[in-house]
Amino acid sequence: MSKIFSFPHPVNEYAARSVAACVCILTIATIITLWLPLAIFLAYGFWARVLTGPSLSPIGQLSTRIITTRFIKSDKPVAGPPKRFAQAIGVCFSTGALIFLLIDNSSIAQVLLIILAIFAFLESALGFCAGCKTFSLLMKVGLVPEEVCERCNNLSFN
């Protein structure tokens, strides 16, 4: 059970970027359609990845078992805690969008989803993880203790 509720460290950068690509596509589809089941699936995926890594996330499974292993066939280890922090930010945006859709405020939901899509695109296309950069900054100013990610200094945040 503890293996299910764990987050990998290190994380394969290519798997993370393929998750971001799937999230970007799903988020754009949600922005266009405002279809509640898509918003639920999007929020569930972020919650699943924060709590269990790719274990209970359909997109995480697709990325780690199929996209990365069959198509990318490469591994670039990066620190896990910053990626988990980035997923937690995704939880906030996707859950916020879901709540606003549920209370019939699609304009705010779309703004949150547009922001999410932009950052998912930056991660997938350019390898720029804004959540990881924020995590690094929070470590530097002492808001995140170094013990949270002792190995972060030995792995790239790019």
Protein backbone atom coordinates (compact mmCIF):
# COMPACT_ATOMS: atom_id res chain seq x y z
CA MET A 1 0.00 0.00 0.00
CA SER A 2 2.82 2.43 0.82
CA LYS A 3 4.30 1.73 -2.62
CA ILE A 4 1.06 2.90 -4.25
CA PHE A 5 1.04 6.14 -2.25
CA SER A 6 4.55 7.24 -3.14
CA PHE A 7 6.08 9.57 -5.67
CA PRO A 8 9.10 8.52 -7.72
CA HIS A 9 12.47 10.14 -7.13
CA PRO A 10 14.13 10.60 -9.49
CA VAL A 11 11.53 11.12 -12.21
CA ASN A 12 12.09 10.49 -15.91
CA GLU A 13 11.98 13.95 -17.49
CA TYR A 14 10.62 12.51 -20.74
CA ALA A 15 7.74 10.82 -18.93
CA ALA A 16 6.95 14.09 -17.14
CA ARG A 17 6.98 15.97 -20.43
CA SER A 18 4.70 13.42 -22.09
CA VAL A 19 2.28 13.72 -19.14
CA ALA A 20 2.37 17.49 -19.67
CA ALA A 21 1.60 17.06 -23.38
CA CYS A 22 -1.42 14.89 -22.56
CA VAL A 23 -2.52 17.40 -19.91
CA CYS A 24 -2.19 20.24 -22.42
CA ILE A 25 -4.37 18.44 -24.97
CA LEU A 26 -6.95 17.46 -22.35
CA THR A 27 -7.00 20.99 -20.93
CA ILE A 28 -7.53 22.58 -24.34
CA ALA A 29 -10.36 20.13 -25.01
CA THR A 30 -11.91 21.09 -21.67
CA ILE A 31 -11.57 24.82 -22.44
CA ILE A 32 -13.31 24.35 -25.79
CA THR A 33 -16.10 22.02 -24.69
CA LEU A 34 -16.53 22.90 -21.01
CA TRP A 35 -17.58 19.27 -20.67
CA LEU A 36 -17.72 18.44 -16.97
CA PRO A 37 -16.47 14.82 -17.31
CA LEU A 38 -13.26 16.11 -18.93
CA ALA A 39 -12.75 18.58 -16.09
CA ILE A 40 -13.33 15.78 -13.56
CA PHE A 41 -10.83 13.53 -15.36
CA LEU A 42 -8.28 16.36 -15.48
CA ALA A 43 -8.59 17.14 -11.76
CA TYR A 44 -8.59 13.44 -10.84
CA GLY A 45 -5.37 12.96 -12.80
CA PHE A 46 -3.58 15.71 -10.91
CA TRP A 47 -4.80 14.40 -7.55
CA ALA A 48 -3.74 10.87 -8.49
CA ARG A 49 -0.27 11.98 -9.60
CA VAL A 50 0.31 14.06 -6.45
CA LEU A 51 -0.79 11.23 -4.16
CA THR A 52 0.58 8.21 -6.05
CA GLY A 53 2.88 9.38 -8.83
CA PRO A 54 1.85 7.60 -12.03
CA SER A 55 0.35 4.57 -10.21
CA LEU A 56 -3.33 5.58 -10.23
CA SER A 57 -3.16 8.17 -12.99
CA PRO A 58 -4.36 7.02 -16.42
CA ILE A 59 -2.21 9.70 -18.08
CA GLY A 60 0.73 8.75 -15.85
CA GLN A 61 0.35 5.10 -16.86
CA LEU A 62 0.06 5.99 -20.55
CA SER A 63 3.20 8.11 -20.32
CA THR A 64 5.37 5.72 -18.30
CA ARG A 65 4.24 2.42 -19.81
CA ILE A 66 3.63 3.30 -23.45
CA ILE A 67 4.81 6.72 -24.63
CA THR A 68 8.18 6.77 -22.88
CA THR A 69 9.01 3.07 -23.21
CA ARG A 70 7.84 2.50 -26.79
CA PHE A 71 8.35 5.83 -28.51
CA ILE A 72 10.84 7.98 -26.62
CA LYS A 73 12.99 5.09 -25.33
CA SER A 74 15.16 7.39 -23.25
CA ASP A 75 15.61 8.28 -19.62
CA LYS A 76 16.69 11.59 -18.14
CA PRO A 77 16.49 11.50 -14.34
CA VAL A 78 15.37 14.69 -12.60
CA ALA A 79 14.40 15.35 -8.98
CA GLY A 80 10.99 14.03 -7.93
CA PRO A 81 9.91 16.53 -5.23
CA PRO A 82 9.87 19.56 -7.57
CA LYS A 83 7.76 17.60 -10.07
CA ARG A 84 5.37 16.62 -7.28
CA PHE A 85 5.15 20.29 -6.26
CA ALA A 86 4.34 21.18 -9.87
CA GLN A 87 1.60 18.53 -9.90
CA ALA A 88 0.21 20.05 -6.68
CA ILE A 89 -0.05 23.41 -8.43
CA GLY A 90 -1.92 21.58 -11.18
CA VAL A 91 -4.28 20.22 -8.50
CA CYS A 92 -5.09 23.80 -7.48
CA PHE A 93 -5.79 25.01 -11.01
CA SER A 94 -7.69 21.93 -12.21
CA THR A 95 -9.75 21.58 -9.03
CA GLY A 96 -10.45 25.30 -9.02
CA ALA A 97 -11.63 25.10 -12.63
CA LEU A 98 -13.82 22.10 -11.78
CA ILE A 99 -15.41 23.94 -8.86
CA PHE A 100 -16.12 26.99 -11.02
CA LEU A 101 -17.67 24.76 -13.69
CA LEU A 102 -19.83 23.12 -11.03
CA ILE A 103 -21.13 26.49 -9.83
CA ASP A 104 -21.73 27.55 -13.43
CA ASN A 105 -18.98 30.15 -13.67
CA SER A 106 -17.33 28.99 -16.86
CA SER A 107 -15.41 32.24 -17.45
CA ILE A 108 -13.23 31.83 -14.37
CA ALA A 109 -12.92 28.10 -15.07
CA GLN A 110 -11.64 28.89 -18.56
CA VAL A 111 -9.09 31.41 -17.25
CA LEU A 112 -7.73 28.81 -14.82
CA LEU A 113 -7.63 26.20 -17.58
CA ILE A 114 -5.88 28.58 -20.00
CA ILE A 115 -3.16 29.20 -17.40
CA LEU A 116 -2.87 25.44 -16.85
CA ALA A 117 -2.64 24.79 -20.60
CA ILE A 118 0.08 27.41 -21.03
CA PHE A 119 2.26 25.91 -18.32
CA ALA A 120 1.61 22.34 -19.49
CA PHE A 121 2.66 23.43 -22.98
CA LEU A 122 5.85 25.06 -21.66
CA GLU A 123 6.73 21.84 -19.82
CA SER A 124 5.94 19.52 -22.72
CA ALA A 125 7.40 21.53 -25.59
CA LEU A 126 10.27 23.41 -23.97
CA GLY A 127 11.01 21.40 -20.83
CA PHE A 128 10.31 24.48 -18.70
CA CYS A 129 8.71 23.39 -15.43
CA ALA A 130 7.44 26.55 -13.71
CA GLY A 131 6.47 24.59 -10.60
CA CYS A 132 9.99 23.15 -10.41
CA LYS A 133 11.52 26.61 -10.73
CA THR A 134 9.19 27.85 -7.98
CA PHE A 135 10.15 24.87 -5.79
CA SER A 136 13.83 25.66 -6.31
CA LEU A 137 13.25 29.31 -5.40
CA LEU A 138 11.32 28.30 -2.27
CA MET A 139 14.24 26.07 -1.25
CA LYS A 140 16.72 28.92 -1.79
CA VAL A 141 14.75 31.32 0.42
CA GLY A 142 14.27 28.64 3.09
CA LEU A 143 10.52 28.09 2.78
CA VAL A 144 11.12 24.49 1.68
CA PRO A 145 13.68 22.76 3.91
CA GLU A 146 16.65 21.24 2.10
CA GLU A 147 15.81 17.86 3.70
CA VAL A 148 12.69 17.70 1.53
CA CYS A 149 14.91 17.25 -1.48
CA GLU A 150 18.49 16.54 -0.45
CA ARG A 151 19.24 15.03 -3.86
CA CYS A 152 17.77 18.01 -5.76
CA ASN A 153 21.16 19.69 -5.87
CA ASN A 154 22.57 16.69 -7.74
CA LEU A 155 19.88 16.57 -10.42
CA SER A 156 18.89 19.09 -13.07
CA PHE A 157 15.67 21.10 -12.81
CA ASN A 158 15.61 21.65 -16.58
